[in-house]
Amino acid sequence: MDLVGTLGRVFTVGELLRQWRHRRGISPLDLAIAADVSARHVSLVETGKSRPSAEMVLRLAEQLGVPLRDRNRLLLAAGHAPRYGERPLDDDVLKQAIGRVLGAHEPFPALAFDRSWNLVLANRAFGRFLDRVDPDLLRPPVNLLRLGLDPRGFAGMVVNLADVRAMFRARVGRQLATAPDPDLAALFEELLAAAPEGVAGPAADVVLPMVLRVDGRELRLFSTITTFGTPTDITLEEVAIESYYPADDETATYFDVPAQSTSRPSTARGQVW
């Protein structure tokens, strides 16, 4: 069975597997050894001379680190039913799971976004900053790349904007290399393709902070990215949580002060938690 690609190209399961193998830089022999199958069998599958079982497709996909969405695509191309479900982002179970993580990070900002960098949920601390941006940028879907790089958004507050833009470029570039996505690729070309390859300006000793000028202060924040372990749902696998931490005592003190605003602005598919 064949499957139509994003540009109308028809791909067999063997072609799709070969694309993922090339993307990962793995030889047929290395893949065969990792999946505990013969190199000949891998070759037969890739050339379309053997139709793999669903279990074989998933075994090869596991070794290639194929995302769940694309594992379903591989299964369909091989003539099998999809294996992984995809809950809507406004599903109560998903929102509660994500919301607990965001809420636990208070009083510091945290947010969740999907594979296209669209905002899913944010905690109240992050909502304090949304109050400062142009409302036009908060119309669903709220895209974090646009929000971060548009002068009407965070770009007007970011002191080290060249550094942050270079960081975005590197992160999105790595994401596209790992799991290509046409929508994100279009955003990359529009907003980040012309950004410098490396970090502009001196890097910090340990991590590169984002420096925001807010209320006459300079807030220095670094962040971590969290994903859910061993997800079996496509939506949950594609959600990432970014948690911000103060890089100095002055920034920590700023977040200890309760926000005056208690608004809970809407996001792309949810709300501030």
C-alpha atoms as a PDB file:
ATOM      1  CA  MET A   1       0.000   0.000   0.000  1.00  0.00           C
ATOM      2  CA  ASP A   2       1.188   3.503  -0.840  1.00  0.00           C
ATOM      3  CA  LEU A   3       0.716   6.778   1.017  1.00  0.00           C
ATOM      4  CA  VAL A   4       0.559  10.256  -0.437  1.00  0.00           C
ATOM      5  CA  GLY A   5       3.260  12.582   0.843  1.00  0.00           C
ATOM      6  CA  THR A   6       2.853  16.211   1.850  1.00  0.00           C
ATOM      7  CA  LEU A   7       3.596  17.432  -1.684  1.00  0.00           C
ATOM      8  CA  GLY A   8       1.479  14.861  -3.494  1.00  0.00           C
ATOM      9  CA  ARG A   9       4.335  12.360  -3.764  1.00  0.00           C
ATOM     10  CA  VAL A  10       3.297   8.756  -3.164  1.00  0.00           C
ATOM     11  CA  PHE A  11       5.574   6.909  -0.733  1.00  0.00           C
ATOM     12  CA  THR A  12       5.718   3.236   0.111  1.00  0.00           C
ATOM     13  CA  VAL A  13       6.484   2.100   3.640  1.00  0.00           C
ATOM     14  CA  GLY A  14       9.970   1.094   2.486  1.00  0.00           C
ATOM     15  CA  GLU A  15      10.659   4.559   1.107  1.00  0.00           C
ATOM     16  CA  LEU A  16       9.437   6.188   4.286  1.00  0.00           C
ATOM     17  CA  LEU A  17      11.620   3.928   6.439  1.00  0.00           C
ATOM     18  CA  ARG A  18      14.621   4.648   4.237  1.00  0.00           C
ATOM     19  CA  GLN A  19      13.994   8.398   4.592  1.00  0.00           C
ATOM     20  CA  TRP A  20      13.982   8.083   8.373  1.00  0.00           C
ATOM     21  CA  ARG A  21      17.095   5.912   8.327  1.00  0.00           C
ATOM     22  CA  HIS A  22      18.953   8.488   6.204  1.00  0.00           C
ATOM     23  CA  ARG A  23      17.704  11.290   8.433  1.00  0.00           C
ATOM     24  CA  ARG A  24      19.164   9.494  11.462  1.00  0.00           C
ATOM     25  CA  GLY A  25      22.404   8.665   9.667  1.00  0.00           C
ATOM     26  CA  ILE A  26      22.032   4.921  10.315  1.00  0.00           C
ATOM     27  CA  SER A  27      23.190   2.226   7.904  1.00  0.00           C
ATOM     28  CA  PRO A  28      20.925  -0.721   6.989  1.00  0.00           C
ATOM     29  CA  LEU A  29      23.246  -3.042   8.912  1.00  0.00           C
ATOM     30  CA  ASP A  30      23.199  -0.892  12.044  1.00  0.00           C
ATOM     31  CA  LEU A  31      19.407  -0.704  11.910  1.00  0.00           C
ATOM     32  CA  ALA A  32      19.151  -4.456  11.469  1.00  0.00           C
ATOM     33  CA  ILE A  33      21.418  -5.112  14.446  1.00  0.00           C
ATOM     34  CA  ALA A  34      19.516  -2.652  16.649  1.00  0.00           C
ATOM     35  CA  ALA A  35      16.151  -4.150  15.670  1.00  0.00           C
ATOM     36  CA  ASP A  36      17.431  -7.732  15.938  1.00  0.00           C
ATOM     37  CA  VAL A  37      16.543  -8.617  12.354  1.00  0.00           C
ATOM     38  CA  SER A  38      18.644  -9.518   9.333  1.00  0.00           C
ATOM     39  CA  ALA A  39      20.111  -6.834   7.104  1.00  0.00           C
ATOM     40  CA  ARG A  40      18.545  -8.672   4.172  1.00  0.00           C
ATOM     41  CA  HIS A  41      15.089  -8.257   5.682  1.00  0.00           C
ATOM     42  CA  VAL A  42      15.635  -4.520   6.125  1.00  0.00           C
ATOM     43  CA  SER A  43      16.717  -4.316   2.492  1.00  0.00           C
ATOM     44  CA  LEU A  44      13.660  -6.254   1.311  1.00  0.00           C
ATOM     45  CA  VAL A  45      11.336  -3.973   3.255  1.00  0.00           C
ATOM     46  CA  GLU A  46      12.972  -0.796   1.960  1.00  0.00           C
ATOM     47  CA  THR A  47      12.870  -1.979  -1.659  1.00  0.00           C
ATOM     48  CA  GLY A  48       9.240  -3.064  -1.398  1.00  0.00           C
ATOM     49  CA  LYS A  49       9.977  -6.751  -1.915  1.00  0.00           C
ATOM     50  CA  SER A  50       8.629  -7.666   1.523  1.00  0.00           C
ATOM     51  CA  ARG A  51       5.530  -6.336   3.285  1.00  0.00           C
ATOM     52  CA  PRO A  52       6.397  -5.864   6.963  1.00  0.00           C
ATOM     53  CA  SER A  53       4.012  -6.811   9.745  1.00  0.00           C
ATOM     54  CA  ALA A  54       2.715  -4.074  12.036  1.00  0.00           C
ATOM     55  CA  GLU A  55       5.049  -5.337  14.764  1.00  0.00           C
ATOM     56  CA  MET A  56       8.039  -5.110  12.413  1.00  0.00           C
ATOM     57  CA  VAL A  57       7.118  -1.574  11.353  1.00  0.00           C
ATOM     58  CA  LEU A  58       6.932  -0.488  14.986  1.00  0.00           C
ATOM     59  CA  ARG A  59      10.167  -2.275  15.871  1.00  0.00           C
ATOM     60  CA  LEU A  60      12.073  -0.484  13.115  1.00  0.00           C
ATOM     61  CA  ALA A  61      10.371   2.816  13.936  1.00  0.00           C
ATOM     62  CA  GLU A  62      11.368   2.493  17.592  1.00  0.00           C
ATOM     63  CA  GLN A  63      15.018   2.057  16.697  1.00  0.00           C
ATOM     64  CA  LEU A  64      14.848   5.060  14.353  1.00  0.00           C
ATOM     65  CA  GLY A  65      13.189   7.267  16.959  1.00  0.00           C
ATOM     66  CA  VAL A  66      10.219   7.968  14.706  1.00  0.00           C
ATOM     67  CA  PRO A  67       7.553  10.198  16.351  1.00  0.00           C
ATOM     68  CA  LEU A  68       4.177   8.595  17.053  1.00  0.00           C
ATOM     69  CA  ARG A  69       2.398  10.617  14.360  1.00  0.00           C
ATOM     70  CA  ASP A  70       4.810   9.292  11.757  1.00  0.00           C
ATOM     71  CA  ARG A  71       4.610   5.756  13.137  1.00  0.00           C
ATOM     72  CA  ASN A  72       0.914   5.828  12.292  1.00  0.00           C
ATOM     73  CA  ARG A  73       1.865   7.012   8.819  1.00  0.00           C
ATOM     74  CA  LEU A  74       4.277   4.106   8.435  1.00  0.00           C
ATOM     75  CA  LEU A  75       1.616   1.653   9.557  1.00  0.00           C
ATOM     76  CA  LEU A  76      -0.882   3.026   7.054  1.00  0.00           C
ATOM     77  CA  ALA A  77       1.684   2.840   4.265  1.00  0.00           C
ATOM     78  CA  ALA A  78       2.245  -0.830   5.121  1.00  0.00           C
ATOM     79  CA  GLY A  79      -1.497  -1.533   5.022  1.00  0.00           C
ATOM     80  CA  HIS A  80      -2.064  -1.670   8.775  1.00  0.00           C
ATOM     81  CA  ALA A  81      -4.347   0.269  11.085  1.00  0.00           C
ATOM     82  CA  PRO A  82      -2.908   3.217  13.048  1.00  0.00           C
ATOM     83  CA  ARG A  83      -1.797   2.281  16.540  1.00  0.00           C
ATOM     84  CA  TYR A  84      -1.680   5.637  18.354  1.00  0.00           C
ATOM     85  CA  GLY A  85      -4.583   7.900  19.286  1.00  0.00           C
ATOM     86  CA  GLU A  86      -4.658  11.694  19.148  1.00  0.00           C
ATOM     87  CA  ARG A  87      -6.713  13.514  21.762  1.00  0.00           C
ATOM     88  CA  PRO A  88      -7.746  17.123  21.116  1.00  0.00           C
ATOM     89  CA  LEU A  89      -5.697  19.691  23.001  1.00  0.00           C
ATOM     90  CA  ASP A  90      -8.771  20.830  24.900  1.00  0.00           C
ATOM     91  CA  ASP A  91      -9.293  17.317  26.267  1.00  0.00           C
ATOM     92  CA  ASP A  92      -9.859  17.572  30.035  1.00  0.00           C
ATOM     93  CA  VAL A  93      -7.398  14.798  30.897  1.00  0.00           C
ATOM     94  CA  LEU A  94      -4.610  16.434  28.874  1.00  0.00           C
ATOM     95  CA  LYS A  95      -5.331  19.901  30.241  1.00  0.00           C
ATOM     96  CA  GLN A  96      -5.291  18.632  33.816  1.00  0.00           C
ATOM     97  CA  ALA A  97      -2.017  16.768  33.338  1.00  0.00           C
ATOM     98  CA  ILE A  98      -0.328  19.760  31.715  1.00  0.00           C
ATOM     99  CA  GLY A  99      -1.925  22.227  34.122  1.00  0.00           C
ATOM    100  CA  ARG A 100      -0.586  20.422  37.182  1.00  0.00           C
ATOM    101  CA  VAL A 101       2.956  20.732  35.860  1.00  0.00           C
ATOM    102  CA  LEU A 102       2.515  24.426  35.058  1.00  0.00           C
ATOM    103  CA  GLY A 103       0.851  25.223  38.367  1.00  0.00           C
ATOM    104  CA  ALA A 104       3.576  23.477  40.344  1.00  0.00           C
ATOM    105  CA  HIS A 105       6.150  25.865  38.877  1.00  0.00           C
ATOM    106  CA  GLU A 106       4.558  28.979  40.406  1.00  0.00           C
ATOM    107  CA  PRO A 107       5.585  31.667  41.204  1.00  0.00           C
ATOM    108  CA  PHE A 108       7.842  31.440  38.139  1.00  0.00           C
ATOM    109  CA  PRO A 109       6.610  31.428  34.519  1.00  0.00           C
ATOM    110  CA  ALA A 110       5.885  28.193  32.667  1.00  0.00           C
ATOM    111  CA  LEU A 111       4.041  27.418  29.453  1.00  0.00           C
ATOM    112  CA  ALA A 112       3.146  24.499  27.205  1.00  0.00           C
ATOM    113  CA  PHE A 113       3.292  24.565  23.415  1.00  0.00           C
ATOM    114  CA  ASP A 114       2.703  22.151  20.553  1.00  0.00           C
ATOM    115  CA  ARG A 115       5.055  21.012  17.778  1.00  0.00           C
ATOM    116  CA  SER A 116       4.326  24.184  15.760  1.00  0.00           C
ATOM    117  CA  TRP A 117       5.157  26.359  18.793  1.00  0.00           C
ATOM    118  CA  ASN A 118       1.523  27.325  19.328  1.00  0.00           C
ATOM    119  CA  LEU A 119       0.695  28.135  22.933  1.00  0.00           C
ATOM    120  CA  VAL A 120      -1.450  25.483  24.619  1.00  0.00           C
ATOM    121  CA  LEU A 121      -1.498  26.539  28.281  1.00  0.00           C
ATOM    122  CA  ALA A 122       0.424  28.928  30.516  1.00  0.00           C
ATOM    123  CA  ASN A 123       0.512  29.540  34.242  1.00  0.00           C
ATOM    124  CA  ARG A 124      -0.417  32.821  35.943  1.00  0.00           C
ATOM    125  CA  ALA A 125       3.192  34.005  36.165  1.00  0.00           C
ATOM    126  CA  PHE A 126       3.562  33.842  32.405  1.00  0.00           C
ATOM    127  CA  GLY A 127       0.179  35.539  32.048  1.00  0.00           C
ATOM    128  CA  ARG A 128       1.664  38.628  33.705  1.00  0.00           C
ATOM    129  CA  PHE A 129       3.819  39.130  30.606  1.00  0.00           C
ATOM    130  CA  LEU A 130       0.968  38.511  28.165  1.00  0.00           C
ATOM    131  CA  ASP A 131      -0.738  41.581  29.617  1.00  0.00           C
ATOM    132  CA  ARG A 132       2.096  43.657  28.133  1.00  0.00           C
ATOM    133  CA  VAL A 133       1.852  42.613  24.482  1.00  0.00           C
ATOM    134  CA  ASP A 134      -0.357  43.771  21.621  1.00  0.00           C
ATOM    135  CA  PRO A 135      -3.751  41.996  21.828  1.00  0.00           C
ATOM    136  CA  ASP A 136      -3.521  41.223  18.099  1.00  0.00           C
ATOM    137  CA  LEU A 137      -0.713  38.769  18.872  1.00  0.00           C
ATOM    138  CA  LEU A 138      -2.968  36.954  21.342  1.00  0.00           C
ATOM    139  CA  ARG A 139      -5.568  35.987  18.780  1.00  0.00           C
ATOM    140  CA  PRO A 140      -5.684  32.187  18.447  1.00  0.00           C
ATOM    141  CA  PRO A 141      -3.534  30.461  17.602  1.00  0.00           C
ATOM    142  CA  VAL A 142      -0.909  32.263  19.677  1.00  0.00           C
ATOM    143  CA  ASN A 143       2.441  31.333  18.147  1.00  0.00           C
ATOM    144  CA  LEU A 144       5.398  31.663  20.512  1.00  0.00           C
ATOM    145  CA  LEU A 145       7.903  32.354  17.760  1.00  0.00           C
ATOM    146  CA  ARG A 146       5.861  35.316  16.563  1.00  0.00           C
ATOM    147  CA  LEU A 147       5.174  36.394  20.131  1.00  0.00           C
ATOM    148  CA  GLY A 148       8.857  36.275  20.990  1.00  0.00           C
ATOM    149  CA  LEU A 149      10.241  37.981  17.875  1.00  0.00           C
ATOM    150  CA  ASP A 150       7.591  40.586  17.048  1.00  0.00           C
ATOM    151  CA  PRO A 151       8.330  44.125  18.351  1.00  0.00           C
ATOM    152  CA  ARG A 152       4.694  44.253  19.537  1.00  0.00           C
ATOM    153  CA  GLY A 153       5.340  41.174  21.631  1.00  0.00           C
ATOM    154  CA  PHE A 154       8.289  40.179  23.769  1.00  0.00           C
ATOM    155  CA  ALA A 155      10.900  41.506  21.338  1.00  0.00           C
ATOM    156  CA  GLY A 156      10.304  45.000  22.662  1.00  0.00           C
ATOM    157  CA  MET A 157      11.158  43.787  26.178  1.00  0.00           C
ATOM    158  CA  VAL A 158      14.110  41.498  25.393  1.00  0.00           C
ATOM    159  CA  VAL A 159      17.460  43.216  25.939  1.00  0.00           C
ATOM    160  CA  ASN A 160      19.563  40.479  24.320  1.00  0.00           C
ATOM    161  CA  LEU A 161      17.243  39.920  21.357  1.00  0.00           C
ATOM    162  CA  ALA A 162      20.050  38.825  18.990  1.00  0.00           C
ATOM    163  CA  ASP A 163      21.017  36.088  21.431  1.00  0.00           C
ATOM    164  CA  VAL A 164      17.426  34.944  21.860  1.00  0.00           C
ATOM    165  CA  ARG A 165      16.799  34.929  18.105  1.00  0.00           C
ATOM    166  CA  ALA A 166      19.917  32.815  17.554  1.00  0.00           C
ATOM    167  CA  MET A 167      18.750  30.439  20.290  1.00  0.00           C
ATOM    168  CA  PHE A 168      15.351  30.084  18.632  1.00  0.00           C
ATOM    169  CA  ARG A 169      17.038  29.424  15.315  1.00  0.00           C
ATOM    170  CA  ALA A 170      19.183  26.643  16.749  1.00  0.00           C
ATOM    171  CA  ARG A 171      16.290  25.023  18.645  1.00  0.00           C
ATOM    172  CA  VAL A 172      13.843  25.055  15.759  1.00  0.00           C
ATOM    173  CA  GLY A 173      16.559  23.896  13.380  1.00  0.00           C
ATOM    174  CA  ARG A 174      17.275  20.882  15.581  1.00  0.00           C
ATOM    175  CA  GLN A 175      13.552  20.143  15.872  1.00  0.00           C
ATOM    176  CA  LEU A 176      13.101  20.183  12.097  1.00  0.00           C
ATOM    177  CA  ALA A 177      16.109  17.922  11.635  1.00  0.00           C
ATOM    178  CA  THR A 178      14.623  15.429  14.088  1.00  0.00           C
ATOM    179  CA  ALA A 179      10.993  15.533  12.933  1.00  0.00           C
ATOM    180  CA  PRO A 180      10.274  17.596   9.787  1.00  0.00           C
ATOM    181  CA  ASP A 181       7.056  19.618   9.850  1.00  0.00           C
ATOM    182  CA  PRO A 182       5.934  21.810   6.915  1.00  0.00           C
ATOM    183  CA  ASP A 183       4.152  24.405   9.071  1.00  0.00           C
ATOM    184  CA  LEU A 184       7.142  24.865  11.355  1.00  0.00           C
ATOM    185  CA  ALA A 185       9.501  24.918   8.366  1.00  0.00           C
ATOM    186  CA  ALA A 186       7.495  27.798   6.891  1.00  0.00           C
ATOM    187  CA  LEU A 187       7.742  29.705  10.185  1.00  0.00           C
ATOM    188  CA  PHE A 188      11.477  29.057  10.303  1.00  0.00           C
ATOM    189  CA  GLU A 189      11.932  30.514   6.813  1.00  0.00           C
ATOM    190  CA  GLU A 190       9.781  33.524   7.632  1.00  0.00           C
ATOM    191  CA  LEU A 191      11.167  34.425  11.049  1.00  0.00           C
ATOM    192  CA  LEU A 192      14.511  32.733  11.600  1.00  0.00           C
ATOM    193  CA  ALA A 193      16.280  31.806   8.358  1.00  0.00           C
ATOM    194  CA  ALA A 194      18.216  35.065   8.317  1.00  0.00           C
ATOM    195  CA  ALA A 195      19.230  34.812  11.989  1.00  0.00           C
ATOM    196  CA  PRO A 196      22.939  34.264  12.719  1.00  0.00           C
ATOM    197  CA  GLU A 197      24.209  30.721  13.130  1.00  0.00           C
ATOM    198  CA  GLY A 198      25.802  31.272  16.501  1.00  0.00           C
ATOM    199  CA  VAL A 199      24.986  33.251  19.619  1.00  0.00           C
ATOM    200  CA  ALA A 200      25.466  36.982  19.162  1.00  0.00           C
ATOM    201  CA  GLY A 201      27.378  38.490  22.040  1.00  0.00           C
ATOM    202  CA  PRO A 202      29.092  36.859  25.020  1.00  0.00           C
ATOM    203  CA  ALA A 203      27.532  33.692  26.380  1.00  0.00           C
ATOM    204  CA  ALA A 204      26.966  33.151  30.063  1.00  0.00           C
ATOM    205  CA  ASP A 205      29.298  30.909  32.019  1.00  0.00           C
ATOM    206  CA  VAL A 206      26.731  28.108  32.327  1.00  0.00           C
ATOM    207  CA  VAL A 207      23.530  28.958  30.436  1.00  0.00           C
ATOM    208  CA  LEU A 208      22.431  31.806  28.203  1.00  0.00           C
ATOM    209  CA  PRO A 209      19.786  33.840  30.061  1.00  0.00           C
ATOM    210  CA  MET A 210      16.998  35.793  28.445  1.00  0.00           C
ATOM    211  CA  VAL A 211      17.137  39.359  29.723  1.00  0.00           C
ATOM    212  CA  LEU A 212      13.803  41.209  29.922  1.00  0.00           C
ATOM    213  CA  ARG A 213      13.374  44.893  30.755  1.00  0.00           C
ATOM    214  CA  VAL A 214      10.166  45.099  32.815  1.00  0.00           C
ATOM    215  CA  ASP A 215       8.974  47.888  35.126  1.00  0.00           C
ATOM    216  CA  GLY A 216      12.385  49.531  35.029  1.00  0.00           C
ATOM    217  CA  ARG A 217      14.139  46.301  36.017  1.00  0.00           C
ATOM    218  CA  GLU A 218      16.204  43.816  34.064  1.00  0.00           C
ATOM    219  CA  LEU A 219      14.986  40.282  34.698  1.00  0.00           C
ATOM    220  CA  ARG A 220      17.372  37.458  33.865  1.00  0.00           C
ATOM    221  CA  LEU A 221      15.763  34.077  33.196  1.00  0.00           C
ATOM    222  CA  PHE A 222      16.966  30.704  32.004  1.00  0.00           C
ATOM    223  CA  SER A 223      14.679  27.856  31.017  1.00  0.00           C
ATOM    224  CA  THR A 224      14.353  24.095  30.853  1.00  0.00           C
ATOM    225  CA  ILE A 225      12.283  22.029  28.410  1.00  0.00           C
ATOM    226  CA  THR A 226      10.205  19.109  29.672  1.00  0.00           C
ATOM    227  CA  THR A 227       8.372  16.444  27.692  1.00  0.00           C
ATOM    228  CA  PHE A 228       6.171  13.641  28.976  1.00  0.00           C
ATOM    229  CA  GLY A 229       7.923  10.294  29.318  1.00  0.00           C
ATOM    230  CA  THR A 230       6.746   7.277  27.278  1.00  0.00           C
ATOM    231  CA  PRO A 231       3.584   8.899  25.877  1.00  0.00           C
ATOM    232  CA  THR A 232       1.146   6.740  23.907  1.00  0.00           C
ATOM    233  CA  ASP A 233      -0.903   9.673  22.646  1.00  0.00           C
ATOM    234  CA  ILE A 234       0.275  11.762  19.690  1.00  0.00           C
ATOM    235  CA  THR A 235      -0.890  15.063  21.141  1.00  0.00           C
ATOM    236  CA  LEU A 236       0.833  14.529  24.468  1.00  0.00           C
ATOM    237  CA  GLU A 237       4.076  13.472  22.769  1.00  0.00           C
ATOM    238  CA  GLU A 238       4.104  16.689  20.756  1.00  0.00           C
ATOM    239  CA  VAL A 239       3.550  18.985  23.758  1.00  0.00           C
ATOM    240  CA  ALA A 240       6.619  20.543  25.361  1.00  0.00           C
ATOM    241  CA  ILE A 241       6.700  22.494  28.622  1.00  0.00           C
ATOM    242  CA  GLU A 242       9.136  25.362  29.054  1.00  0.00           C
ATOM    243  CA  SER A 243       9.805  26.399  32.631  1.00  0.00           C
ATOM    244  CA  TYR A 244      11.630  29.632  33.436  1.00  0.00           C
ATOM    245  CA  TYR A 245      13.873  30.149  36.464  1.00  0.00           C
ATOM    246  CA  PRO A 246      15.459  33.307  37.883  1.00  0.00           C
ATOM    247  CA  ALA A 247      19.147  33.602  37.063  1.00  0.00           C
ATOM    248  CA  ASP A 248      19.825  36.021  39.932  1.00  0.00           C
ATOM    249  CA  ASP A 249      18.391  37.113  43.271  1.00  0.00           C
ATOM    250  CA  GLU A 250      16.869  40.332  41.903  1.00  0.00           C
ATOM    251  CA  THR A 251      14.814  38.377  39.381  1.00  0.00           C
ATOM    252  CA  ALA A 252      13.721  35.906  42.038  1.00  0.00           C
ATOM    253  CA  THR A 253      12.541  38.798  44.212  1.00  0.00           C
ATOM    254  CA  TYR A 254      10.457  40.213  41.346  1.00  0.00           C
ATOM    255  CA  PHE A 255       8.435  37.008  41.105  1.00  0.00           C
ATOM    256  CA  ASP A 256       7.925  36.851  44.862  1.00  0.00           C
ATOM    257  CA  VAL A 257       5.779  39.995  44.548  1.00  0.00           C
ATOM    258  CA  PRO A 258       2.117  39.098  43.766  1.00  0.00           C
ATOM    259  CA  ALA A 259       0.929  40.296  40.368  1.00  0.00           C
ATOM    260  CA  GLN A 260      -1.599  43.124  40.367  1.00  0.00           C
ATOM    261  CA  SER A 261      -3.469  41.628  37.414  1.00  0.00           C
ATOM    262  CA  THR A 262      -5.601  38.549  37.966  1.00  0.00           C
ATOM    263  CA  SER A 263      -6.660  38.194  34.328  1.00  0.00           C
ATOM    264  CA  ARG A 264      -6.548  34.800  32.675  1.00  0.00           C
ATOM    265  CA  PRO A 265      -6.192  35.518  28.943  1.00  0.00           C
ATOM    266  CA  SER A 266      -7.167  32.885  26.394  1.00  0.00           C
ATOM    267  CA  THR A 267      -4.496  30.962  24.522  1.00  0.00           C
ATOM    268  CA  ALA A 268      -4.578  29.109  21.233  1.00  0.00           C
ATOM    269  CA  ARG A 269      -6.601  26.149  22.497  1.00  0.00           C
ATOM    270  CA  GLY A 270      -6.830  26.603  26.234  1.00  0.00           C
ATOM    271  CA  GLN A 271      -6.316  29.295  28.839  1.00  0.00           C
ATOM    272  CA  VAL A 272      -3.844  30.503  31.377  1.00  0.00           C
ATOM    273  CA  TRP A 273      -3.902  27.905  34.127  1.00  0.00           C
END
